[in-house]
C-alpha atoms as a PDB file:
ATOM      1  CA  MET A   1       0.083  -0.091  -0.120  1.00  0.00           C
ATOM      2  CA  ARG A   2       2.818   2.464   0.934  1.00  0.00           C
ATOM      3  CA  PHE A   3       4.359   1.606  -2.581  1.00  0.00           C
ATOM      4  CA  LEU A   4       1.155   2.566  -4.328  1.00  0.00           C
ATOM      5  CA  VAL A   5       0.721   5.686  -2.569  1.00  0.00           C
ATOM      6  CA  LEU A   6       4.337   6.682  -3.364  1.00  0.00           C
ATOM      7  CA  LEU A   7       3.752   5.887  -6.945  1.00  0.00           C
ATOM      8  CA  VAL A   8       0.513   7.824  -7.276  1.00  0.00           C
ATOM      9  CA  CYS A   9       2.357  10.950  -5.553  1.00  0.00           C
ATOM     10  CA  LEU A  10       5.238  10.660  -8.051  1.00  0.00           C
ATOM     11  CA  ILE A  11       2.784  10.325 -10.955  1.00  0.00           C
ATOM     12  CA  ASN A  12       0.809  13.447  -9.888  1.00  0.00           C
ATOM     13  CA  SER A  13       4.082  15.406  -9.284  1.00  0.00           C
ATOM     14  CA  SER A  14       5.379  14.627 -12.773  1.00  0.00           C
ATOM     15  CA  ALA A  15       2.018  15.536 -14.308  1.00  0.00           C
ATOM     16  CA  ALA A  16       2.037  19.000 -12.338  1.00  0.00           C
ATOM     17  CA  GLN A  17       5.559  19.697 -13.789  1.00  0.00           C
ATOM     18  CA  THR A  18       4.319  19.150 -17.217  1.00  0.00           C
ATOM     19  CA  ILE A  19       1.260  21.373 -17.213  1.00  0.00           C
ATOM     20  CA  PHE A  20       1.419  23.836 -20.075  1.00  0.00           C
ATOM     21  CA  ASP A  21       1.809  27.309 -18.506  1.00  0.00           C
ATOM     22  CA  LEU A  22      -0.847  29.392 -20.220  1.00  0.00           C
ATOM     23  CA  GLN A  23      -0.333  33.206 -19.029  1.00  0.00           C
ATOM     24  CA  GLY A  24      -2.683  35.899 -19.659  1.00  0.00           C
ATOM     25  CA  HIS A  25      -0.621  38.984 -20.639  1.00  0.00           C
ATOM     26  CA  ARG A  26      -1.546  41.956 -18.387  1.00  0.00           C
ATOM     27  CA  GLY A  27      -4.683  39.794 -17.550  1.00  0.00           C
ATOM     28  CA  GLY A  28      -5.443  39.319 -21.149  1.00  0.00           C
ATOM     29  CA  ARG A  29      -5.662  42.782 -22.590  1.00  0.00           C
ATOM     30  CA  GLY A  30      -7.246  41.669 -25.787  1.00  0.00           C
ATOM     31  CA  LEU A  31     -10.474  41.124 -23.921  1.00  0.00           C
ATOM     32  CA  MET A  32     -10.572  43.384 -20.739  1.00  0.00           C
ATOM     33  CA  PRO A  33      -8.714  46.683 -19.768  1.00  0.00           C
ATOM     34  CA  GLU A  34      -5.149  45.791 -19.064  1.00  0.00           C
ATOM     35  CA  ASN A  35      -3.623  45.161 -15.702  1.00  0.00           C
ATOM     36  CA  THR A  36      -6.902  45.638 -13.794  1.00  0.00           C
ATOM     37  CA  VAL A  37      -8.709  43.387 -11.397  1.00  0.00           C
ATOM     38  CA  PRO A  38     -11.609  42.651 -14.030  1.00  0.00           C
ATOM     39  CA  ALA A  39      -8.982  41.467 -16.326  1.00  0.00           C
ATOM     40  CA  PHE A  40      -7.341  39.030 -13.982  1.00  0.00           C
ATOM     41  CA  LEU A  41     -10.568  37.513 -12.986  1.00  0.00           C
ATOM     42  CA  LYS A  42     -11.599  37.039 -16.456  1.00  0.00           C
ATOM     43  CA  ALA A  43      -8.325  35.426 -17.185  1.00  0.00           C
ATOM     44  CA  LEU A  44      -8.999  32.958 -14.406  1.00  0.00           C
ATOM     45  CA  ASP A  45     -12.303  32.218 -15.938  1.00  0.00           C
ATOM     46  CA  LEU A  46     -10.595  31.322 -19.081  1.00  0.00           C
ATOM     47  CA  GLY A  47      -8.395  28.778 -17.421  1.00  0.00           C
ATOM     48  CA  VAL A  48      -4.891  30.501 -17.308  1.00  0.00           C
ATOM     49  CA  LYS A  49      -2.290  28.863 -15.166  1.00  0.00           C
ATOM     50  CA  THR A  50      -0.531  32.205 -14.477  1.00  0.00           C
ATOM     51  CA  LEU A  51      -1.788  35.798 -14.158  1.00  0.00           C
ATOM     52  CA  GLU A  52       0.924  37.957 -15.863  1.00  0.00           C
ATOM     53  CA  MET A  53       1.271  41.561 -14.835  1.00  0.00           C
ATOM     54  CA  ASP A  54       3.451  44.655 -14.572  1.00  0.00           C
ATOM     55  CA  VAL A  55       4.297  46.693 -11.454  1.00  0.00           C
ATOM     56  CA  VAL A  56       5.668  50.297 -10.957  1.00  0.00           C
ATOM     57  CA  ILE A  57       6.015  52.334  -7.823  1.00  0.00           C
ATOM     58  CA  SER A  58       3.934  55.266  -6.667  1.00  0.00           C
ATOM     59  CA  LYS A  59       5.285  58.481  -4.791  1.00  0.00           C
ATOM     60  CA  ASP A  60       4.032  57.037  -1.503  1.00  0.00           C
ATOM     61  CA  ARG A  61       6.044  53.723  -2.253  1.00  0.00           C
ATOM     62  CA  GLN A  62       3.026  51.572  -3.076  1.00  0.00           C
ATOM     63  CA  VAL A  63       3.425  48.769  -5.686  1.00  0.00           C
ATOM     64  CA  VAL A  64       0.886  49.731  -8.387  1.00  0.00           C
ATOM     65  CA  VAL A  65      -0.019  47.198 -11.209  1.00  0.00           C
ATOM     66  CA  SER A  66       0.730  49.229 -14.414  1.00  0.00           C
ATOM     67  CA  HIS A  67       2.628  48.550 -17.670  1.00  0.00           C
ATOM     68  CA  GLU A  68       3.663  52.352 -18.166  1.00  0.00           C
ATOM     69  CA  PRO A  69       5.103  54.323 -15.460  1.00  0.00           C
ATOM     70  CA  TYR A  70       2.512  57.154 -16.599  1.00  0.00           C
ATOM     71  CA  PHE A  71      -1.028  57.263 -17.608  1.00  0.00           C
ATOM     72  CA  SER A  72      -1.292  56.166 -21.239  1.00  0.00           C
ATOM     73  CA  ALA A  73      -3.338  58.422 -23.687  1.00  0.00           C
ATOM     74  CA  ALA A  74      -4.383  55.091 -25.431  1.00  0.00           C
ATOM     75  CA  TYR A  75      -6.987  54.388 -22.726  1.00  0.00           C
ATOM     76  CA  SER A  76      -6.772  56.816 -19.756  1.00  0.00           C
ATOM     77  CA  ILE A  77      -9.334  59.176 -18.594  1.00  0.00           C
ATOM     78  CA  SER A  78      -8.427  61.949 -16.003  1.00  0.00           C
ATOM     79  CA  PRO A  79     -10.445  62.617 -12.799  1.00  0.00           C
ATOM     80  CA  ASP A  80     -12.214  65.562 -14.525  1.00  0.00           C
ATOM     81  CA  GLY A  81     -13.679  63.127 -17.157  1.00  0.00           C
ATOM     82  CA  LYS A  82     -11.444  64.179 -20.016  1.00  0.00           C
ATOM     83  CA  PRO A  83      -9.313  61.633 -21.958  1.00  0.00           C
ATOM     84  CA  VAL A  84      -5.585  62.116 -21.181  1.00  0.00           C
ATOM     85  CA  ASP A  85      -3.806  64.005 -24.166  1.00  0.00           C
ATOM     86  CA  LYS A  86      -0.984  62.255 -25.701  1.00  0.00           C
ATOM     87  CA  ARG A  87       1.006  65.404 -25.383  1.00  0.00           C
ATOM     88  CA  ASP A  88       0.642  65.189 -21.644  1.00  0.00           C
ATOM     89  CA  GLN A  89       0.753  61.373 -20.839  1.00  0.00           C
ATOM     90  CA  LYS A  90       4.427  61.377 -19.898  1.00  0.00           C
ATOM     91  CA  LYS A  91       4.041  64.204 -17.372  1.00  0.00           C
ATOM     92  CA  LEU A  92       1.463  62.078 -15.443  1.00  0.00           C
ATOM     93  CA  VAL A  93       4.268  59.991 -13.818  1.00  0.00           C
ATOM     94  CA  LEU A  94       2.940  57.533 -11.188  1.00  0.00           C
ATOM     95  CA  TYR A  95       6.256  57.778  -9.349  1.00  0.00           C
ATOM     96  CA  HIS A  96       5.435  61.340  -8.776  1.00  0.00           C
ATOM     97  CA  MET A  97       1.744  60.689  -7.515  1.00  0.00           C
ATOM     98  CA  ASP A  98       0.358  59.203  -4.456  1.00  0.00           C
ATOM     99  CA  TYR A  99      -1.852  56.184  -4.906  1.00  0.00           C
ATOM    100  CA  VAL A 100      -4.890  57.952  -3.623  1.00  0.00           C
ATOM    101  CA  ASP A 101      -4.603  60.227  -6.883  1.00  0.00           C
ATOM    102  CA  ILE A 102      -3.727  57.416  -9.228  1.00  0.00           C
ATOM    103  CA  ARG A 103      -6.780  55.593  -8.241  1.00  0.00           C
ATOM    104  CA  GLN A 104      -9.001  58.409  -9.509  1.00  0.00           C
ATOM    105  CA  TYR A 105      -8.036  57.831 -13.143  1.00  0.00           C
ATOM    106  CA  ASP A 106     -10.380  55.593 -15.320  1.00  0.00           C
ATOM    107  CA  VAL A 107      -8.424  53.110 -17.371  1.00  0.00           C
ATOM    108  CA  GLY A 108     -11.095  50.992 -18.753  1.00  0.00           C
ATOM    109  CA  SER A 109     -14.198  53.101 -19.963  1.00  0.00           C
ATOM    110  CA  ASN A 110     -12.491  54.162 -23.197  1.00  0.00           C
ATOM    111  CA  GLY A 111     -11.379  50.909 -24.231  1.00  0.00           C
ATOM    112  CA  ASN A 112      -8.206  50.532 -26.271  1.00  0.00           C
ATOM    113  CA  SER A 113      -8.543  50.987 -30.099  1.00  0.00           C
ATOM    114  CA  ALA A 114      -5.509  48.542 -30.514  1.00  0.00           C
ATOM    115  CA  TYR A 115      -7.745  45.788 -29.068  1.00  0.00           C
ATOM    116  CA  PRO A 116     -11.248  46.069 -30.541  1.00  0.00           C
ATOM    117  CA  GLU A 117     -12.597  42.958 -28.746  1.00  0.00           C
ATOM    118  CA  GLN A 118     -11.700  44.621 -25.394  1.00  0.00           C
ATOM    119  CA  GLN A 119     -14.779  45.103 -23.088  1.00  0.00           C
ATOM    120  CA  LYS A 120     -15.255  48.736 -21.956  1.00  0.00           C
ATOM    121  CA  ILE A 121     -15.650  48.975 -18.196  1.00  0.00           C
ATOM    122  CA  LYS A 122     -14.933  51.774 -15.731  1.00  0.00           C
ATOM    123  CA  THR A 123     -11.866  50.656 -13.648  1.00  0.00           C
ATOM    124  CA  TYR A 124      -8.597  51.799 -12.157  1.00  0.00           C
ATOM    125  CA  LYS A 125      -5.040  50.723 -11.813  1.00  0.00           C
ATOM    126  CA  PRO A 126      -5.008  48.498  -8.630  1.00  0.00           C
ATOM    127  CA  LEU A 127      -2.313  47.861  -6.024  1.00  0.00           C
ATOM    128  CA  LEU A 128      -0.511  44.606  -6.317  1.00  0.00           C
ATOM    129  CA  SER A 129      -1.779  43.514  -2.921  1.00  0.00           C
ATOM    130  CA  GLU A 130      -5.282  44.154  -3.948  1.00  0.00           C
ATOM    131  CA  VAL A 131      -4.979  42.069  -7.098  1.00  0.00           C
ATOM    132  CA  ILE A 132      -3.631  39.205  -5.094  1.00  0.00           C
ATOM    133  CA  GLU A 133      -6.399  39.406  -2.620  1.00  0.00           C
ATOM    134  CA  GLN A 134      -9.002  39.704  -5.109  1.00  0.00           C
ATOM    135  CA  ALA A 135      -7.629  36.954  -7.271  1.00  0.00           C
ATOM    136  CA  GLU A 136      -7.435  34.508  -4.161  1.00  0.00           C
ATOM    137  CA  ALA A 137     -11.014  35.364  -2.908  1.00  0.00           C
ATOM    138  CA  TYR A 138     -12.224  34.585  -6.517  1.00  0.00           C
ATOM    139  CA  ARG A 139     -10.400  31.199  -6.618  1.00  0.00           C
ATOM    140  CA  LYS A 140     -12.007  30.207  -3.391  1.00  0.00           C
ATOM    141  CA  LYS A 141     -15.252  31.414  -4.361  1.00  0.00           C
ATOM    142  CA  LYS A 142     -15.301  29.617  -7.665  1.00  0.00           C
ATOM    143  CA  ASN A 143     -13.250  26.549  -6.491  1.00  0.00           C
ATOM    144  CA  LEU A 144     -10.617  27.202  -9.037  1.00  0.00           C
ATOM    145  CA  PRO A 145      -7.251  25.373  -9.397  1.00  0.00           C
ATOM    146  CA  ILE A 146      -4.201  26.877  -7.771  1.00  0.00           C
ATOM    147  CA  PHE A 147      -2.491  29.279 -10.250  1.00  0.00           C
ATOM    148  CA  SER A 148       0.757  31.305 -10.180  1.00  0.00           C
ATOM    149  CA  TYR A 149       1.627  34.951 -10.436  1.00  0.00           C
ATOM    150  CA  SER A 150       4.272  36.379 -12.997  1.00  0.00           C
ATOM    151  CA  ILE A 151       5.189  39.850 -11.972  1.00  0.00           C
ATOM    152  CA  GLU A 152       7.133  42.016 -14.289  1.00  0.00           C
ATOM    153  CA  ILE A 153       9.342  44.655 -12.584  1.00  0.00           C
ATOM    154  CA  LYS A 154       9.110  47.508 -15.100  1.00  0.00           C
ATOM    155  CA  SER A 155      12.622  48.833 -14.986  1.00  0.00           C
ATOM    156  CA  GLU A 156      14.871  50.806 -17.240  1.00  0.00           C
ATOM    157  CA  PRO A 157      18.337  52.066 -16.218  1.00  0.00           C
ATOM    158  CA  SER A 158      17.735  55.358 -17.905  1.00  0.00           C
ATOM    159  CA  GLN A 159      14.680  55.905 -15.620  1.00  0.00           C
ATOM    160  CA  TYR A 160      16.328  55.078 -12.283  1.00  0.00           C
ATOM    161  CA  ASN A 161      15.227  57.862  -9.717  1.00  0.00           C
ATOM    162  CA  LYS A 162      13.221  59.523 -12.536  1.00  0.00           C
ATOM    163  CA  SER A 163       9.954  57.260 -13.030  1.00  0.00           C
ATOM    164  CA  GLN A 164      11.201  54.424 -10.647  1.00  0.00           C
ATOM    165  CA  PRO A 165      13.434  53.594  -7.831  1.00  0.00           C
ATOM    166  CA  GLU A 166      16.759  51.757  -8.439  1.00  0.00           C
ATOM    167  CA  PRO A 167      16.599  47.990  -8.370  1.00  0.00           C
ATOM    168  CA  ALA A 168      17.408  47.318  -4.788  1.00  0.00           C
ATOM    169  CA  ALA A 169      14.565  49.641  -3.500  1.00  0.00           C
ATOM    170  CA  PHE A 170      12.152  48.443  -6.182  1.00  0.00           C
ATOM    171  CA  GLY A 171      12.852  44.823  -5.208  1.00  0.00           C
ATOM    172  CA  ASP A 172      12.471  45.435  -1.537  1.00  0.00           C
ATOM    173  CA  LEU A 173       8.900  46.957  -2.054  1.00  0.00           C
ATOM    174  CA  VAL A 174       7.760  43.997  -4.265  1.00  0.00           C
ATOM    175  CA  GLU A 175       9.294  41.266  -2.159  1.00  0.00           C
ATOM    176  CA  ALA A 176       7.444  42.713   0.879  1.00  0.00           C
ATOM    177  CA  VAL A 177       4.093  42.544  -0.813  1.00  0.00           C
ATOM    178  CA  ILE A 178       4.455  38.917  -2.060  1.00  0.00           C
ATOM    179  CA  ARG A 179       5.799  37.771   1.366  1.00  0.00           C
ATOM    180  CA  LYS A 180       3.101  39.361   3.139  1.00  0.00           C
ATOM    181  CA  GLN A 181       0.472  37.854   0.670  1.00  0.00           C
ATOM    182  CA  SER A 182       2.044  34.339   1.300  1.00  0.00           C
ATOM    183  CA  ILE A 183       2.420  33.654  -2.485  1.00  0.00           C
ATOM    184  CA  THR A 184       6.099  33.246  -2.697  1.00  0.00           C
ATOM    185  CA  GLU A 185       6.021  29.702  -3.894  1.00  0.00           C
ATOM    186  CA  ARG A 186       3.660  30.527  -6.721  1.00  0.00           C
ATOM    187  CA  THR A 187       5.444  33.734  -7.849  1.00  0.00           C
ATOM    188  CA  ILE A 188       7.607  34.424 -11.000  1.00  0.00           C
ATOM    189  CA  ILE A 189       9.580  37.593 -10.904  1.00  0.00           C
ATOM    190  CA  GLN A 190      10.594  38.813 -14.430  1.00  0.00           C
ATOM    191  CA  SER A 191      12.284  41.804 -16.027  1.00  0.00           C
ATOM    192  CA  PHE A 192      14.076  43.080 -19.154  1.00  0.00           C
ATOM    193  CA  ASP A 193      16.407  44.888 -16.758  1.00  0.00           C
ATOM    194  CA  PHE A 194      18.963  42.248 -15.624  1.00  0.00           C
ATOM    195  CA  ALA A 195      20.073  44.308 -12.732  1.00  0.00           C
ATOM    196  CA  VAL A 196      16.688  43.686 -11.202  1.00  0.00           C
ATOM    197  CA  LEU A 197      17.098  39.862 -11.645  1.00  0.00           C
ATOM    198  CA  LYS A 198      20.710  39.986 -10.277  1.00  0.00           C
ATOM    199  CA  HIS A 199      19.912  41.783  -7.246  1.00  0.00           C
ATOM    200  CA  TRP A 200      16.939  39.431  -6.494  1.00  0.00           C
ATOM    201  CA  LYS A 201      19.213  36.424  -6.989  1.00  0.00           C
ATOM    202  CA  GLN A 202      21.741  37.986  -4.590  1.00  0.00           C
ATOM    203  CA  GLN A 203      19.195  38.641  -1.888  1.00  0.00           C
ATOM    204  CA  VAL A 204      17.917  35.146  -2.249  1.00  0.00           C
ATOM    205  CA  ILE A 205      21.404  33.720  -1.787  1.00  0.00           C
ATOM    206  CA  ALA A 206      21.815  36.031   1.285  1.00  0.00           C
ATOM    207  CA  GLY A 207      18.558  34.833   2.771  1.00  0.00           C
ATOM    208  CA  ASN A 208      16.890  38.196   2.508  1.00  0.00           C
ATOM    209  CA  TYR A 209      14.166  37.572  -0.215  1.00  0.00           C
ATOM    210  CA  ALA A 210      11.919  34.775  -0.961  1.00  0.00           C
ATOM    211  CA  ASN A 211      13.146  32.153  -3.285  1.00  0.00           C
ATOM    212  CA  VAL A 212      10.833  32.804  -6.276  1.00  0.00           C
ATOM    213  CA  ARG A 213      11.210  31.698  -9.844  1.00  0.00           C
ATOM    214  CA  LEU A 214      13.218  34.231 -11.816  1.00  0.00           C
ATOM    215  CA  SER A 215      12.369  34.836 -15.608  1.00  0.00           C
ATOM    216  CA  ALA A 216      14.746  36.655 -18.106  1.00  0.00           C
ATOM    217  CA  LEU A 217      12.740  38.712 -20.513  1.00  0.00           C
ATOM    218  CA  VAL A 218      14.448  39.026 -23.803  1.00  0.00           C
ATOM    219  CA  ALA A 219      13.886  41.231 -26.842  1.00  0.00           C
ATOM    220  CA  SER A 220      17.264  41.100 -28.462  1.00  0.00           C
ATOM    221  CA  LEU A 221      18.488  38.993 -31.225  1.00  0.00           C
ATOM    222  CA  HIS A 222      21.371  37.508 -29.251  1.00  0.00           C
ATOM    223  CA  ARG A 223      21.650  33.789 -28.799  1.00  0.00           C
ATOM    224  CA  PRO A 224      20.159  32.577 -25.648  1.00  0.00           C
ATOM    225  CA  GLU A 225      23.667  31.665 -24.456  1.00  0.00           C
ATOM    226  CA  LYS A 226      24.984  35.137 -24.643  1.00  0.00           C
ATOM    227  CA  SER A 227      21.799  36.537 -22.849  1.00  0.00           C
ATOM    228  CA  ILE A 228      22.439  34.036 -20.026  1.00  0.00           C
ATOM    229  CA  ARG A 229      26.117  35.034 -19.699  1.00  0.00           C
ATOM    230  CA  LYS A 230      25.128  38.606 -19.524  1.00  0.00           C
ATOM    231  CA  LEU A 231      22.677  37.762 -16.817  1.00  0.00           C
ATOM    232  CA  GLY A 232      25.417  35.934 -14.841  1.00  0.00           C
ATOM    233  CA  PHE A 233      23.240  32.972 -13.641  1.00  0.00           C
ATOM    234  CA  LYS A 234      20.922  30.416 -15.011  1.00  0.00           C
ATOM    235  CA  PRO A 235      17.305  31.802 -14.962  1.00  0.00           C
ATOM    236  CA  ASP A 236      14.412  29.452 -14.065  1.00  0.00           C
ATOM    237  CA  ILE A 237      12.568  30.676 -17.141  1.00  0.00           C
ATOM    238  CA  TYR A 238      13.850  32.328 -20.463  1.00  0.00           C
ATOM    239  CA  SER A 239      11.156  34.419 -21.970  1.00  0.00           C
ATOM    240  CA  PRO A 240      12.010  36.005 -25.297  1.00  0.00           C
ATOM    241  CA  HIS A 241       9.553  37.411 -28.029  1.00  0.00           C
ATOM    242  CA  PHE A 242       8.224  34.348 -29.614  1.00  0.00           C
ATOM    243  CA  ARG A 243       9.610  35.196 -32.983  1.00  0.00           C
ATOM    244  CA  LEU A 244      13.092  34.831 -31.724  1.00  0.00           C
ATOM    245  CA  LEU A 245      12.724  31.129 -31.002  1.00  0.00           C
ATOM    246  CA  ASN A 246      13.129  28.006 -33.040  1.00  0.00           C
ATOM    247  CA  LYS A 247      13.084  24.337 -32.110  1.00  0.00           C
ATOM    248  CA  ALA A 248      16.779  24.090 -31.672  1.00  0.00           C
ATOM    249  CA  LYS A 249      17.043  26.912 -29.282  1.00  0.00           C
ATOM    250  CA  ILE A 250      14.239  25.642 -27.161  1.00  0.00           C
ATOM    251  CA  ALA A 251      15.986  22.242 -27.042  1.00  0.00           C
ATOM    252  CA  ARG A 252      19.320  23.803 -25.940  1.00  0.00           C
ATOM    253  CA  LEU A 253      17.720  25.768 -23.255  1.00  0.00           C
ATOM    254  CA  HIS A 254      15.766  22.654 -21.934  1.00  0.00           C
ATOM    255  CA  GLU A 255      19.220  20.818 -21.772  1.00  0.00           C
ATOM    256  CA  GLN A 256      20.324  23.525 -19.076  1.00  0.00           C
ATOM    257  CA  THR A 257      16.799  22.642 -17.310  1.00  0.00           C
ATOM    258  CA  ILE A 258      15.627  26.108 -18.180  1.00  0.00           C
ATOM    259  CA  LYS A 259      11.902  26.639 -19.111  1.00  0.00           C
ATOM    260  CA  VAL A 260      10.881  28.456 -22.286  1.00  0.00           C
ATOM    261  CA  ILE A 261       7.874  30.825 -22.089  1.00  0.00           C
ATOM    262  CA  PRO A 262       7.733  33.312 -24.934  1.00  0.00           C
ATOM    263  CA  TRP A 263       5.641  36.503 -25.404  1.00  0.00           C
ATOM    264  CA  THR A 264       3.228  37.808 -26.772  1.00  0.00           C
ATOM    265  CA  VAL A 265       1.529  35.039 -28.753  1.00  0.00           C
ATOM    266  CA  ASN A 266      -1.924  36.052 -30.127  1.00  0.00           C
ATOM    267  CA  LYS A 267      -2.406  33.769 -33.232  1.00  0.00           C
ATOM    268  CA  ARG A 268      -3.727  30.342 -32.697  1.00  0.00           C
ATOM    269  CA  ARG A 269      -1.272  28.912 -35.527  1.00  0.00           C
ATOM    270  CA  ASP A 270       1.703  30.354 -33.777  1.00  0.00           C
ATOM    271  CA  MET A 271       0.477  28.889 -30.411  1.00  0.00           C
ATOM    272  CA  LEU A 272       0.219  25.446 -31.878  1.00  0.00           C
ATOM    273  CA  ARG A 273       3.679  25.753 -33.698  1.00  0.00           C
ATOM    274  CA  LEU A 274       5.270  26.775 -30.455  1.00  0.00           C
ATOM    275  CA  LYS A 275       3.678  23.955 -28.467  1.00  0.00           C
ATOM    276  CA  GLU A 276       4.729  21.541 -31.119  1.00  0.00           C
ATOM    277  CA  TRP A 277       8.297  22.763 -30.715  1.00  0.00           C
ATOM    278  CA  GLY A 278       8.210  22.050 -26.963  1.00  0.00           C
ATOM    279  CA  VAL A 279       7.807  25.486 -25.256  1.00  0.00           C
ATOM    280  CA  ASP A 280       6.703  25.108 -21.643  1.00  0.00           C
ATOM    281  CA  GLY A 281       4.010  27.770 -21.857  1.00  0.00           C
ATOM    282  CA  LEU A 282       3.226  31.280 -23.556  1.00  0.00           C
ATOM    283  CA  ILE A 283       2.066  34.644 -22.757  1.00  0.00           C
ATOM    284  CA  THR A 284      -0.957  35.839 -24.658  1.00  0.00           C
ATOM    285  CA  ASP A 285      -3.266  38.778 -24.864  1.00  0.00           C
ATOM    286  CA  TYR A 286      -6.092  36.294 -25.786  1.00  0.00           C
ATOM    287  CA  PRO A 287      -6.388  33.307 -23.380  1.00  0.00           C
ATOM    288  CA  ASN A 288      -9.576  32.392 -25.077  1.00  0.00           C
ATOM    289  CA  ARG A 289      -7.595  31.580 -28.288  1.00  0.00           C
ATOM    290  CA  ALA A 290      -5.317  29.186 -26.551  1.00  0.00           C
ATOM    291  CA  SER A 291      -8.324  26.789 -25.500  1.00  0.00           C
ATOM    292  CA  GLY A 292      -7.301  23.070 -25.315  1.00  0.00           C
ATOM    293  CA  LEU A 293      -3.467  23.693 -25.541  1.00  0.00           C
END
């Protein structure tokens, strides 16, 4: 009997490790306002395995879920009810605003013309802590399977101390939230800024940060090996633009026990090809198009 129980556990563990990691990009911005609570809940309804999101920091050091460090004119409405003008958008820097003021902007009612299927709904940029609390409550209410969080730290060296803190301070704020929310074992931290990932790795080794999965976001044409040398350590996940991949690159990364999860894959035929090539998951604006993968 003991042997049978052990065998079942091993089989279940193996199956869990091979689950295709479908990630809803910014919650699935093709369908709902990006990086908002309604988008993340919709993504869970569609069966994503990981909620993918971006975070920035406000003036009062709150971790805010947002792709840009400012209010994009593509979809933002100011508190006075007027759409944000493109000429003014980069003046509305979240790092220079307290969260109480950030929350007054509507980022859903206008929709986004680049995503005609996106539902128009009045909503706001949430705190990371709120996203986690709402998603976990929704999971329990709907009796949904356990899922993960992939949190991109939006960081550019040219913007240190301008529209964001430096990597150490940025990492401290994000790590404090995920530790308090008790989701460290289900968290991926990703960034294009390798200084962010290097700092996180150093803090894990020092015992100061939670040991989350680290994902290297890549947009360059460099071979994966060159990007990994630049990073200075082997990441858990290599996440390039999907057009930078081929079957041989995926195989070489797998030989190093590095998972491969490309972005942003929105066409069904591309999803199927990448799955056939052996990627471990993918990030998409349209989780509904990935049904059955």
